C-alpha atoms as a PDB file:
ATOM      1  CA  UNK A   1       0.000   0.000   0.000  1.00  0.00           C
ATOM      2  CA  UNK A   2       2.795   2.419   0.896  1.00  0.00           C
ATOM      3  CA  UNK A   3       4.629   1.471  -2.292  1.00  0.00           C
ATOM      4  CA  UNK A   4       1.534   2.333  -4.318  1.00  0.00           C
ATOM      5  CA  UNK A   5       1.240   5.741  -2.649  1.00  0.00           C
ATOM      6  CA  UNK A   6       4.887   6.553  -3.338  1.00  0.00           C
ATOM      7  CA  UNK A   7       4.420   5.356  -6.944  1.00  0.00           C
ATOM      8  CA  UNK A   8       1.387   7.637  -7.399  1.00  0.00           C
ATOM      9  CA  UNK A   9       3.378  10.572  -6.075  1.00  0.00           C
ATOM     10  CA  UNK A  10       6.366   9.597  -8.251  1.00  0.00           C
ATOM     11  CA  UNK A  11       4.241   9.205 -11.413  1.00  0.00           C
ATOM     12  CA  UNK A  12       2.424  12.501 -10.815  1.00  0.00           C
ATOM     13  CA  UNK A  13       5.682  14.441 -10.512  1.00  0.00           C
ATOM     14  CA  UNK A  14       7.036  15.944 -13.745  1.00  0.00           C
ATOM     15  CA  UNK A  15      10.319  17.405 -12.458  1.00  0.00           C
ATOM     16  CA  UNK A  16      13.147  14.824 -12.623  1.00  0.00           C
ATOM     17  CA  UNK A  17      14.893  16.357  -9.588  1.00  0.00           C
ATOM     18  CA  UNK A  18      11.740  15.923  -7.491  1.00  0.00           C
ATOM     19  CA  UNK A  19      11.265  12.396  -8.872  1.00  0.00           C
ATOM     20  CA  UNK A  20      14.779  11.502  -7.702  1.00  0.00           C
ATOM     21  CA  UNK A  21      13.974  13.004  -4.304  1.00  0.00           C
ATOM     22  CA  UNK A  22      10.752  10.959  -4.029  1.00  0.00           C
ATOM     23  CA  UNK A  23      12.633   7.791  -4.966  1.00  0.00           C
ATOM     24  CA  UNK A  24      15.337   8.563  -2.394  1.00  0.00           C
ATOM     25  CA  UNK A  25      12.685   9.179   0.288  1.00  0.00           C
ATOM     26  CA  UNK A  26      11.006   5.873  -0.574  1.00  0.00           C
ATOM     27  CA  UNK A  27      14.257   3.895  -0.355  1.00  0.00           C
ATOM     28  CA  UNK A  28      15.166   5.534   2.967  1.00  0.00           C
ATOM     29  CA  UNK A  29      11.667   4.884   4.325  1.00  0.00           C
ATOM     30  CA  UNK A  30      11.772   1.205   3.321  1.00  0.00           C
ATOM     31  CA  UNK A  31      15.228   0.805   4.876  1.00  0.00           C
ATOM     32  CA  UNK A  32      13.929   2.245   8.152  1.00  0.00           C
ATOM     33  CA  UNK A  33      10.878  -0.053   8.029  1.00  0.00           C
ATOM     34  CA  UNK A  34      13.243  -2.994   7.521  1.00  0.00           C
ATOM     35  CA  UNK A  35      15.285  -1.879  10.513  1.00  0.00           C
ATOM     36  CA  UNK A  36      12.159  -1.481  12.678  1.00  0.00           C
ATOM     37  CA  UNK A  37      11.032  -4.988  11.700  1.00  0.00           C
ATOM     38  CA  UNK A  38      14.451  -6.383  12.619  1.00  0.00           C
ATOM     39  CA  UNK A  39      14.361  -4.662  16.022  1.00  0.00           C
ATOM     40  CA  UNK A  40      10.900  -6.127  16.620  1.00  0.00           C
ATOM     41  CA  UNK A  41      12.055  -9.625  15.641  1.00  0.00           C
ATOM     42  CA  UNK A  42      15.117  -9.298  17.871  1.00  0.00           C
ATOM     43  CA  UNK A  43      12.806  -8.277  20.732  1.00  0.00           C
ATOM     44  CA  UNK A  44      10.655 -11.351  20.125  1.00  0.00           C
ATOM     45  CA  UNK A  45      13.778 -13.524  20.107  1.00  0.00           C
ATOM     46  CA  UNK A  46      14.893 -12.096  23.446  1.00  0.00           C
ATOM     47  CA  UNK A  47      11.423 -12.544  24.945  1.00  0.00           C
ATOM     48  CA  UNK A  48      11.231 -16.143  23.729  1.00  0.00           C
ATOM     49  CA  UNK A  49      14.691 -16.992  25.071  1.00  0.00           C
ATOM     50  CA  UNK A  50      13.871 -15.330  28.414  1.00  0.00           C
ATOM     51  CA  UNK A  51      10.637 -17.318  28.729  1.00  0.00           C
ATOM     52  CA  UNK A  52      12.497 -20.545  27.941  1.00  0.00           C
ATOM     53  CA  UNK A  53      15.163 -19.671  30.543  1.00  0.00           C
ATOM     54  CA  UNK A  54      12.502 -18.858  33.144  1.00  0.00           C
ATOM     55  CA  UNK A  55      10.779 -22.175  32.494  1.00  0.00           C
ATOM     56  CA  UNK A  56      14.082 -23.992  33.015  1.00  0.00           C
ATOM     57  CA  UNK A  57      14.757 -22.040  36.217  1.00  0.00           C
ATOM     58  CA  UNK A  58      11.298 -22.861  37.532  1.00  0.00           C
ATOM     59  CA  UNK A  59      11.951 -26.560  36.947  1.00  0.00           C
ATOM     60  CA  UNK A  60      15.348 -26.350  38.642  1.00  0.00           C
ATOM     61  CA  UNK A  61      13.924 -24.424  41.616  1.00  0.00           C
ATOM     62  CA  UNK A  62      11.158 -26.966  42.056  1.00  0.00           C
ATOM     63  CA  UNK A  63      13.758 -29.744  41.644  1.00  0.00           C
ATOM     64  CA  UNK A  64      11.669 -31.268  38.873  1.00  0.00           C
ATOM     65  CA  UNK A  65      13.071 -32.753  35.724  1.00  0.00           C
ATOM     66  CA  UNK A  66      11.099 -31.908  32.581  1.00  0.00           C
ATOM     67  CA  UNK A  67      11.011 -35.569  31.621  1.00  0.00           C
ATOM     68  CA  UNK A  68      12.983 -38.729  32.189  1.00  0.00           C
ATOM     69  CA  UNK A  69      16.486 -38.570  30.791  1.00  0.00           C
ATOM     70  CA  UNK A  70      16.660 -40.111  27.381  1.00  0.00           C
ATOM     71  CA  UNK A  71      18.440 -43.388  27.017  1.00  0.00           C
ATOM     72  CA  UNK A  72      21.322 -43.154  24.560  1.00  0.00           C
ATOM     73  CA  UNK A  73      20.969 -45.540  21.603  1.00  0.00           C
ATOM     74  CA  UNK A  74      17.174 -45.265  21.488  1.00  0.00           C
ATOM     75  CA  UNK A  75      15.893 -46.614  18.211  1.00  0.00           C
ATOM     76  CA  UNK A  76      13.924 -43.829  16.575  1.00  0.00           C
ATOM     77  CA  UNK A  77      11.032 -45.019  14.437  1.00  0.00           C
ATOM     78  CA  UNK A  78      10.885 -41.672  12.640  1.00  0.00           C
ATOM     79  CA  UNK A  79      13.057 -38.575  13.036  1.00  0.00           C
ATOM     80  CA  UNK A  80      11.499 -35.122  13.263  1.00  0.00           C
ATOM     81  CA  UNK A  81      10.935 -33.671   9.806  1.00  0.00           C
ATOM     82  CA  UNK A  82       9.943 -30.329   8.328  1.00  0.00           C
ATOM     83  CA  UNK A  83       7.074 -30.338   5.774  1.00  0.00           C
ATOM     84  CA  UNK A  84       8.751 -30.541   2.378  1.00  0.00           C
ATOM     85  CA  UNK A  85      12.026 -31.789   3.876  1.00  0.00           C
ATOM     86  CA  UNK A  86      15.325 -30.279   4.925  1.00  0.00           C
ATOM     87  CA  UNK A  87      15.796 -28.358   1.671  1.00  0.00           C
ATOM     88  CA  UNK A  88      12.441 -26.619   2.157  1.00  0.00           C
ATOM     89  CA  UNK A  89      13.507 -25.697   5.709  1.00  0.00           C
ATOM     90  CA  UNK A  90      16.833 -24.304   4.448  1.00  0.00           C
ATOM     91  CA  UNK A  91      15.036 -22.297   1.739  1.00  0.00           C
ATOM     92  CA  UNK A  92      12.549 -20.825   4.209  1.00  0.00           C
ATOM     93  CA  UNK A  93      15.278 -19.972   6.729  1.00  0.00           C
ATOM     94  CA  UNK A  94      17.305 -18.259   3.978  1.00  0.00           C
ATOM     95  CA  UNK A  95      14.232 -16.260   2.925  1.00  0.00           C
ATOM     96  CA  UNK A  96      13.649 -15.146   6.523  1.00  0.00           C
ATOM     97  CA  UNK A  97      17.176 -13.786   7.034  1.00  0.00           C
ATOM     98  CA  UNK A  98      17.421 -10.017   7.433  1.00  0.00           C
ATOM     99  CA  UNK A  99      20.678  -9.342   5.620  1.00  0.00           C
ATOM    100  CA  UNK A 100      20.756  -5.733   6.837  1.00  0.00           C
ATOM    101  CA  UNK A 101      21.195  -7.074  10.364  1.00  0.00           C
ATOM    102  CA  UNK A 102      24.345  -9.062   9.554  1.00  0.00           C
ATOM    103  CA  UNK A 103      27.720  -7.390   9.918  1.00  0.00           C
ATOM    104  CA  UNK A 104      30.740  -9.278   8.648  1.00  0.00           C
ATOM    105  CA  UNK A 105      34.143  -8.480   7.221  1.00  0.00           C
ATOM    106  CA  UNK A 106      34.407 -11.934   5.678  1.00  0.00           C
ATOM    107  CA  UNK A 107      32.395 -13.039   2.647  1.00  0.00           C
ATOM    108  CA  UNK A 108      31.559 -16.533   3.926  1.00  0.00           C
ATOM    109  CA  UNK A 109      30.018 -16.948   7.374  1.00  0.00           C
ATOM    110  CA  UNK A 110      28.883 -20.133   9.077  1.00  0.00           C
ATOM    111  CA  UNK A 111      26.871 -21.207  12.080  1.00  0.00           C
ATOM    112  CA  UNK A 112      25.406 -24.384  13.520  1.00  0.00           C
ATOM    113  CA  UNK A 113      21.859 -23.959  14.768  1.00  0.00           C
ATOM    114  CA  UNK A 114      20.651 -26.491  17.319  1.00  0.00           C
ATOM    115  CA  UNK A 115      17.053 -26.593  18.514  1.00  0.00           C
ATOM    116  CA  UNK A 116      14.443 -28.883  20.024  1.00  0.00           C
ATOM    117  CA  UNK A 117      11.464 -30.115  18.040  1.00  0.00           C
ATOM    118  CA  UNK A 118       8.807 -30.623  20.706  1.00  0.00           C
ATOM    119  CA  UNK A 119       6.201 -33.382  20.730  1.00  0.00           C
ATOM    120  CA  UNK A 120       3.674 -31.031  19.120  1.00  0.00           C
ATOM    121  CA  UNK A 121       6.112 -30.048  16.336  1.00  0.00           C
ATOM    122  CA  UNK A 122       6.959 -26.582  17.657  1.00  0.00           C
ATOM    123  CA  UNK A 123      10.532 -25.324  17.881  1.00  0.00           C
ATOM    124  CA  UNK A 124      12.135 -24.340  21.204  1.00  0.00           C
ATOM    125  CA  UNK A 125      15.579 -23.699  22.643  1.00  0.00           C
ATOM    126  CA  UNK A 126      17.136 -22.387  19.421  1.00  0.00           C
ATOM    127  CA  UNK A 127      20.854 -21.716  19.817  1.00  0.00           C
ATOM    128  CA  UNK A 128      23.213 -20.757  17.015  1.00  0.00           C
ATOM    129  CA  UNK A 129      26.947 -21.142  17.459  1.00  0.00           C
ATOM    130  CA  UNK A 130      29.358 -19.612  15.007  1.00  0.00           C
ATOM    131  CA  UNK A 131      32.030 -16.933  14.756  1.00  0.00           C
ATOM    132  CA  UNK A 132      29.665 -14.095  13.778  1.00  0.00           C
ATOM    133  CA  UNK A 133      27.352 -12.862  16.530  1.00  0.00           C
ATOM    134  CA  UNK A 134      24.946 -11.002  14.217  1.00  0.00           C
ATOM    135  CA  UNK A 135      24.661 -13.972  11.848  1.00  0.00           C
ATOM    136  CA  UNK A 136      23.932 -16.247  14.829  1.00  0.00           C
ATOM    137  CA  UNK A 137      21.115 -13.971  16.068  1.00  0.00           C
ATOM    138  CA  UNK A 138      19.570 -13.699  12.599  1.00  0.00           C
ATOM    139  CA  UNK A 139      19.695 -17.505  12.275  1.00  0.00           C
ATOM    140  CA  UNK A 140      17.880 -17.858  15.612  1.00  0.00           C
ATOM    141  CA  UNK A 141      15.235 -15.330  14.576  1.00  0.00           C
ATOM    142  CA  UNK A 142      14.749 -17.114  11.250  1.00  0.00           C
ATOM    143  CA  UNK A 143      14.320 -20.535  12.928  1.00  0.00           C
ATOM    144  CA  UNK A 144      11.779 -19.210  15.422  1.00  0.00           C
ATOM    145  CA  UNK A 145       9.940 -17.577  12.490  1.00  0.00           C
ATOM    146  CA  UNK A 146       9.447 -20.613  10.231  1.00  0.00           C
ATOM    147  CA  UNK A 147       5.834 -20.848   9.147  1.00  0.00           C
ATOM    148  CA  UNK A 148       5.045 -24.516   9.666  1.00  0.00           C
ATOM    149  CA  UNK A 149       5.431 -27.020  12.469  1.00  0.00           C
ATOM    150  CA  UNK A 150       7.658 -30.059  12.189  1.00  0.00           C
ATOM    151  CA  UNK A 151       6.262 -33.544  12.299  1.00  0.00           C
ATOM    152  CA  UNK A 152       7.669 -34.818  15.618  1.00  0.00           C
ATOM    153  CA  UNK A 153      10.062 -37.709  16.066  1.00  0.00           C
ATOM    154  CA  UNK A 154       8.429 -41.034  16.902  1.00  0.00           C
ATOM    155  CA  UNK A 155       9.773 -43.689  19.276  1.00  0.00           C
ATOM    156  CA  UNK A 156       7.667 -46.811  19.883  1.00  0.00           C
ATOM    157  CA  UNK A 157       4.715 -45.066  18.264  1.00  0.00           C
ATOM    158  CA  UNK A 158       4.887 -42.112  20.687  1.00  0.00           C
ATOM    159  CA  UNK A 159       5.896 -38.526  19.730  1.00  0.00           C
ATOM    160  CA  UNK A 160       9.075 -37.475  21.552  1.00  0.00           C
ATOM    161  CA  UNK A 161      11.255 -34.372  21.835  1.00  0.00           C
ATOM    162  CA  UNK A 162      14.033 -34.367  19.266  1.00  0.00           C
ATOM    163  CA  UNK A 163      17.253 -32.364  19.113  1.00  0.00           C
ATOM    164  CA  UNK A 164      17.825 -31.066  15.592  1.00  0.00           C
ATOM    165  CA  UNK A 165      21.003 -29.499  14.197  1.00  0.00           C
ATOM    166  CA  UNK A 166      21.071 -27.348  11.079  1.00  0.00           C
ATOM    167  CA  UNK A 167      24.429 -26.123   9.730  1.00  0.00           C
ATOM    168  CA  UNK A 168      24.115 -22.855   7.792  1.00  0.00           C
ATOM    169  CA  UNK A 169      26.590 -21.095   5.510  1.00  0.00           C
ATOM    170  CA  UNK A 170      26.013 -17.780   3.789  1.00  0.00           C
ATOM    171  CA  UNK A 171      28.093 -16.124   1.113  1.00  0.00           C
ATOM    172  CA  UNK A 172      27.794 -12.337   1.291  1.00  0.00           C
ATOM    173  CA  UNK A 173      28.266 -10.588  -2.022  1.00  0.00           C
ATOM    174  CA  UNK A 174      29.438  -6.991  -2.101  1.00  0.00           C
END
């Protein structure tokens, strides 16, 4: 809608200098909107991580374990899976990245994102570990923002929590 209004104003203007000014204003406005959206998403990430930390602290304080410790070597009937598969997940995560929020002096940046796929298919406890702090935060935001739920992992016919790891690499072009 805003784009249409700027376009109307741009098309109505006959002076090329004023047209350039309108275009410049539009680009600056859109950049600020992008930045505001990124700040909002970062705020949501912080809120989500704080709520997850508080839930863990509550369990520790009450001396309750969230569930029985998992036995190593459990035979998984079906691993957790994203609708459309891992490539669809990678594509959606890449589309959700806010490149304006990534600051890097190197062209290739990497991170490993680990998260839990809960029994209901939701994602929790997203943690990205890599050399670039801003890339890690954007990866966490992108994972929390995916549009669909996973199908949960199945053990003995019962949905279980599943730890998922997603390595990500991005090549930044100048």
